[in-house]
Amino acid sequence: MDEDCDVHNTSEVLFRLCANTDPARDTTVIKNPSDSLDHAPSEQNIGSHMGFDATRKLPGENYHRPWPELLKMTDEARALVDALQAQSQ
């Protein structure tokens, strides 16, 4: 992940996964040994794992547009939303 992503925050990681990935470019599937008791693989003891690259893309990664700036709420906007939510409860 990028240095500004808190990998311990599931919501933030899922946002990056959904916003930063193109399945054709950013997905890798590998076959490797699996547990004998795993019933999901088509072949016994041979399973697969899927990896996603949800990081910012670079020109060397076949990405040729400027990477957009991540928009974040200002503290003032967050306080206003919190106040409005508190009023509605």
N, C-alpha and C. Protein backbone atom coordinates (compact mmCIF):
# COMPACT_ATOMS: atom_id res chain seq x y z
N MET A 1 0.83 -1.18 0.00
CA MET A 1 0.00 0.00 0.00
C MET A 1 0.88 1.24 0.00
N ASP A 2 0.27 2.33 -0.35
CA ASP A 2 0.97 3.61 -0.34
C ASP A 2 1.19 4.08 1.10
N GLU A 3 2.18 4.94 1.27
CA GLU A 3 2.55 5.38 2.62
C GLU A 3 1.44 6.13 3.35
N ASP A 4 0.48 6.70 2.62
CA ASP A 4 -0.59 7.45 3.27
C ASP A 4 -1.83 6.59 3.54
N CYS A 5 -1.72 5.29 3.38
CA CYS A 5 -2.85 4.37 3.63
C CYS A 5 -2.60 3.60 4.93
N ASP A 6 -3.54 3.68 5.84
CA ASP A 6 -3.47 2.93 7.10
C ASP A 6 -3.95 1.51 6.83
N VAL A 7 -3.02 0.57 6.73
CA VAL A 7 -3.37 -0.82 6.38
C VAL A 7 -4.15 -1.52 7.49
N HIS A 8 -4.25 -0.90 8.67
CA HIS A 8 -5.03 -1.46 9.76
C HIS A 8 -6.47 -0.96 9.75
N ASN A 9 -6.79 -0.06 8.82
CA ASN A 9 -8.13 0.49 8.69
C ASN A 9 -8.80 -0.20 7.50
N THR A 10 -9.68 -1.16 7.79
CA THR A 10 -10.31 -1.96 6.73
C THR A 10 -11.04 -1.09 5.72
N SER A 11 -11.74 -0.06 6.17
CA SER A 11 -12.48 0.81 5.25
C SER A 11 -11.54 1.51 4.27
N GLU A 12 -10.42 1.97 4.77
CA GLU A 12 -9.46 2.66 3.91
C GLU A 12 -8.84 1.70 2.89
N VAL A 13 -8.50 0.49 3.33
CA VAL A 13 -7.92 -0.50 2.41
C VAL A 13 -8.93 -0.88 1.33
N LEU A 14 -10.18 -1.12 1.72
CA LEU A 14 -11.21 -1.48 0.73
C LEU A 14 -11.47 -0.34 -0.24
N PHE A 15 -11.43 0.91 0.25
CA PHE A 15 -11.58 2.06 -0.65
C PHE A 15 -10.48 2.04 -1.70
N ARG A 16 -9.23 1.85 -1.27
CA ARG A 16 -8.10 1.83 -2.22
C ARG A 16 -8.24 0.66 -3.18
N LEU A 17 -8.68 -0.49 -2.68
CA LEU A 17 -8.86 -1.65 -3.55
C LEU A 17 -9.87 -1.34 -4.65
N CYS A 18 -10.97 -0.72 -4.28
CA CYS A 18 -12.02 -0.43 -5.26
C CYS A 18 -11.66 0.75 -6.17
N ALA A 19 -10.96 1.73 -5.63
CA ALA A 19 -10.67 2.95 -6.41
C ALA A 19 -9.42 2.84 -7.27
N ASN A 20 -8.46 2.03 -6.86
CA ASN A 20 -7.15 2.04 -7.52
C ASN A 20 -6.85 0.83 -8.38
N THR A 21 -7.77 -0.09 -8.53
CA THR A 21 -7.43 -1.30 -9.27
C THR A 21 -8.23 -1.46 -10.55
N ASP A 22 -7.54 -1.93 -11.55
CA ASP A 22 -8.14 -2.38 -12.81
C ASP A 22 -7.88 -3.89 -12.83
N PRO A 23 -8.92 -4.70 -12.75
CA PRO A 23 -8.70 -6.15 -12.64
C PRO A 23 -7.77 -6.73 -13.70
N ALA A 24 -7.82 -6.24 -14.92
CA ALA A 24 -6.97 -6.79 -15.97
C ALA A 24 -5.50 -6.47 -15.73
N ARG A 25 -5.21 -5.33 -15.14
CA ARG A 25 -3.84 -4.89 -14.95
C ARG A 25 -3.29 -5.24 -13.57
N ASP A 26 -4.14 -5.25 -12.56
CA ASP A 26 -3.67 -5.26 -11.18
C ASP A 26 -3.95 -6.54 -10.40
N THR A 27 -4.33 -7.61 -11.09
CA THR A 27 -4.63 -8.87 -10.42
C THR A 27 -3.61 -9.93 -10.83
N THR A 28 -3.13 -10.68 -9.85
CA THR A 28 -2.21 -11.78 -10.09
C THR A 28 -2.77 -13.03 -9.41
N VAL A 29 -2.81 -14.13 -10.13
CA VAL A 29 -3.26 -15.41 -9.57
C VAL A 29 -2.10 -16.40 -9.70
N ILE A 30 -1.77 -17.04 -8.59
CA ILE A 30 -0.70 -18.04 -8.61
C ILE A 30 -1.23 -19.37 -8.07
N LYS A 31 -0.69 -20.46 -8.59
CA LYS A 31 -1.00 -21.81 -8.07
C LYS A 31 0.13 -22.22 -7.15
N ASN A 32 -0.26 -22.86 -6.05
CA ASN A 32 0.75 -23.31 -5.10
C ASN A 32 0.16 -24.42 -4.24
N PRO A 33 0.99 -25.08 -3.45
CA PRO A 33 0.48 -26.15 -2.60
C PRO A 33 -0.59 -25.62 -1.63
N SER A 34 -1.57 -26.47 -1.34
CA SER A 34 -2.61 -26.10 -0.39
C SER A 34 -2.81 -27.22 0.62
N ASP A 35 -3.62 -26.94 1.58
CA ASP A 35 -3.92 -27.91 2.64
C ASP A 35 -4.68 -29.10 2.07
N SER A 36 -4.35 -30.29 2.48
CA SER A 36 -5.03 -31.51 2.01
C SER A 36 -6.52 -31.50 2.36
N LEU A 37 -6.89 -30.80 3.43
CA LEU A 37 -8.29 -30.76 3.85
C LEU A 37 -9.09 -29.66 3.16
N ASP A 38 -8.42 -28.83 2.34
CA ASP A 38 -9.12 -27.75 1.63
C ASP A 38 -9.91 -28.36 0.47
N HIS A 39 -11.21 -28.24 0.50
CA HIS A 39 -12.06 -28.85 -0.54
C HIS A 39 -12.31 -27.94 -1.74
N ALA A 40 -11.88 -26.69 -1.70
CA ALA A 40 -12.17 -25.75 -2.78
C ALA A 40 -11.36 -25.98 -4.07
N PRO A 41 -10.08 -26.34 -4.01
CA PRO A 41 -9.30 -26.49 -5.24
C PRO A 41 -9.81 -27.63 -6.13
N SER A 42 -9.60 -27.49 -7.43
CA SER A 42 -9.99 -28.53 -8.38
C SER A 42 -9.08 -29.75 -8.28
N GLU A 43 -7.81 -29.51 -7.95
CA GLU A 43 -6.85 -30.60 -7.78
C GLU A 43 -6.48 -30.70 -6.30
N GLN A 44 -6.36 -31.92 -5.79
CA GLN A 44 -5.99 -32.08 -4.39
C GLN A 44 -4.58 -31.56 -4.14
N ASN A 45 -4.43 -30.82 -3.08
CA ASN A 45 -3.15 -30.26 -2.63
C ASN A 45 -2.58 -29.17 -3.53
N ILE A 46 -3.32 -28.74 -4.56
CA ILE A 46 -2.88 -27.63 -5.41
C ILE A 46 -3.97 -26.57 -5.40
N GLY A 47 -3.67 -25.44 -4.80
CA GLY A 47 -4.65 -24.37 -4.73
C GLY A 47 -4.13 -23.13 -5.43
N SER A 48 -4.81 -22.04 -5.22
CA SER A 48 -4.38 -20.79 -5.83
C SER A 48 -4.61 -19.64 -4.86
N HIS A 49 -3.87 -18.57 -5.07
CA HIS A 49 -4.02 -17.34 -4.31
C HIS A 49 -4.12 -16.18 -5.29
N MET A 50 -4.87 -15.16 -4.90
CA MET A 50 -5.05 -13.99 -5.76
C MET A 50 -4.47 -12.77 -5.04
N GLY A 51 -3.71 -11.98 -5.75
CA GLY A 51 -3.15 -10.75 -5.20
C GLY A 51 -3.63 -9.55 -6.01
N PHE A 52 -3.82 -8.43 -5.33
CA PHE A 52 -4.26 -7.19 -5.97
C PHE A 52 -3.25 -6.09 -5.70
N ASP A 53 -2.93 -5.32 -6.71
CA ASP A 53 -2.08 -4.14 -6.54
C ASP A 53 -3.00 -2.93 -6.44
N ALA A 54 -3.22 -2.45 -5.21
CA ALA A 54 -4.12 -1.32 -4.98
C ALA A 54 -3.35 -0.03 -4.72
N THR A 55 -2.07 -0.01 -5.11
CA THR A 55 -1.24 1.18 -4.91
C THR A 55 -1.41 2.16 -6.07
N ARG A 56 -0.88 3.38 -5.88
CA ARG A 56 -0.86 4.36 -6.98
C ARG A 56 -0.07 3.76 -8.14
N LYS A 57 -0.50 4.03 -9.34
CA LYS A 57 0.19 3.49 -10.51
C LYS A 57 1.22 4.48 -11.02
N LEU A 58 2.28 3.94 -11.58
CA LEU A 58 3.38 4.72 -12.13
C LEU A 58 3.43 4.52 -13.63
N PRO A 59 4.08 5.44 -14.38
CA PRO A 59 4.19 5.25 -15.83
C PRO A 59 4.81 3.90 -16.21
N GLY A 60 5.75 3.41 -15.44
CA GLY A 60 6.38 2.12 -15.71
C GLY A 60 5.42 0.95 -15.54
N GLU A 61 4.27 1.19 -14.93
CA GLU A 61 3.26 0.15 -14.74
C GLU A 61 2.16 0.26 -15.79
N ASN A 62 2.49 0.87 -16.91
CA ASN A 62 1.56 1.03 -18.02
C ASN A 62 0.37 1.93 -17.66
N TYR A 63 0.63 2.93 -16.81
CA TYR A 63 -0.38 3.92 -16.44
C TYR A 63 0.13 5.27 -16.92
N HIS A 64 -0.59 5.91 -17.85
CA HIS A 64 -0.05 7.08 -18.53
C HIS A 64 -0.84 8.36 -18.28
N ARG A 65 -1.60 8.41 -17.20
CA ARG A 65 -2.33 9.62 -16.86
C ARG A 65 -1.82 10.14 -15.53
N PRO A 66 -2.06 11.42 -15.23
CA PRO A 66 -1.66 11.89 -13.90
C PRO A 66 -2.52 11.21 -12.84
N TRP A 67 -1.91 10.83 -11.73
CA TRP A 67 -2.67 10.20 -10.66
C TRP A 67 -3.46 11.27 -9.93
N PRO A 68 -4.77 11.07 -9.73
CA PRO A 68 -5.58 12.12 -9.10
C PRO A 68 -5.25 12.28 -7.62
N GLU A 69 -5.42 13.50 -7.14
CA GLU A 69 -5.22 13.79 -5.72
C GLU A 69 -6.36 13.16 -4.92
N LEU A 70 -6.04 12.58 -3.78
CA LEU A 70 -7.05 11.99 -2.92
C LEU A 70 -7.79 13.11 -2.20
N LEU A 71 -9.11 13.13 -2.34
CA LEU A 71 -9.91 14.16 -1.69
C LEU A 71 -10.23 13.74 -0.26
N LYS A 72 -10.08 14.65 0.66
CA LYS A 72 -10.41 14.38 2.06
C LYS A 72 -11.22 15.54 2.60
N MET A 73 -12.13 15.22 3.51
CA MET A 73 -12.94 16.26 4.14
C MET A 73 -12.06 17.13 5.03
N THR A 74 -12.34 18.42 5.02
CA THR A 74 -11.64 19.31 5.95
C THR A 74 -12.18 19.05 7.35
N ASP A 75 -11.45 19.49 8.35
CA ASP A 75 -11.91 19.33 9.74
C ASP A 75 -13.22 20.08 9.94
N GLU A 76 -13.35 21.25 9.29
CA GLU A 76 -14.58 22.04 9.40
C GLU A 76 -15.78 21.28 8.82
N ALA A 77 -15.60 20.68 7.65
CA ALA A 77 -16.68 19.92 7.02
C ALA A 77 -17.04 18.70 7.86
N ARG A 78 -16.04 18.02 8.41
CA ARG A 78 -16.30 16.85 9.24
C ARG A 78 -17.09 17.25 10.49
N ALA A 79 -16.73 18.39 11.12
CA ALA A 79 -17.45 18.86 12.30
C ALA A 79 -18.90 19.17 11.96
N LEU A 80 -19.13 19.78 10.80
CA LEU A 80 -20.49 20.10 10.38
C LEU A 80 -21.31 18.83 10.17
N VAL A 81 -20.74 17.84 9.49
CA VAL A 81 -21.44 16.57 9.26
C VAL A 81 -21.73 15.88 10.59
N ASP A 82 -20.76 15.86 11.49
CA ASP A 82 -20.97 15.25 12.80
C ASP A 82 -22.11 15.94 13.56
N ALA A 83 -22.14 17.27 13.50
CA ALA A 83 -23.20 18.03 14.17
C ALA A 83 -24.56 17.72 13.56
N LEU A 84 -24.64 17.64 12.24
CA LEU A 84 -25.90 17.34 11.57
C LEU A 84 -26.37 15.92 11.91
N GLN A 85 -25.44 14.99 11.97
CA GLN A 85 -25.80 13.62 12.33
C GLN A 85 -26.29 13.54 13.77
N ALA A 86 -25.65 14.28 14.66
CA ALA A 86 -26.07 14.28 16.07
C ALA A 86 -27.48 14.85 16.22
N GLN A 87 -27.82 15.86 15.41
CA GLN A 87 -29.16 16.47 15.45
C GLN A 87 -30.22 15.50 14.97
N SER A 88 -29.89 14.66 14.01
CA SER A 88 -30.90 13.78 13.42
C SER A 88 -31.16 12.53 14.27
N GLN A 89 -30.39 12.33 15.31
CA GLN A 89 -30.58 11.12 16.12
C GLN A 89 -31.48 11.36 17.28
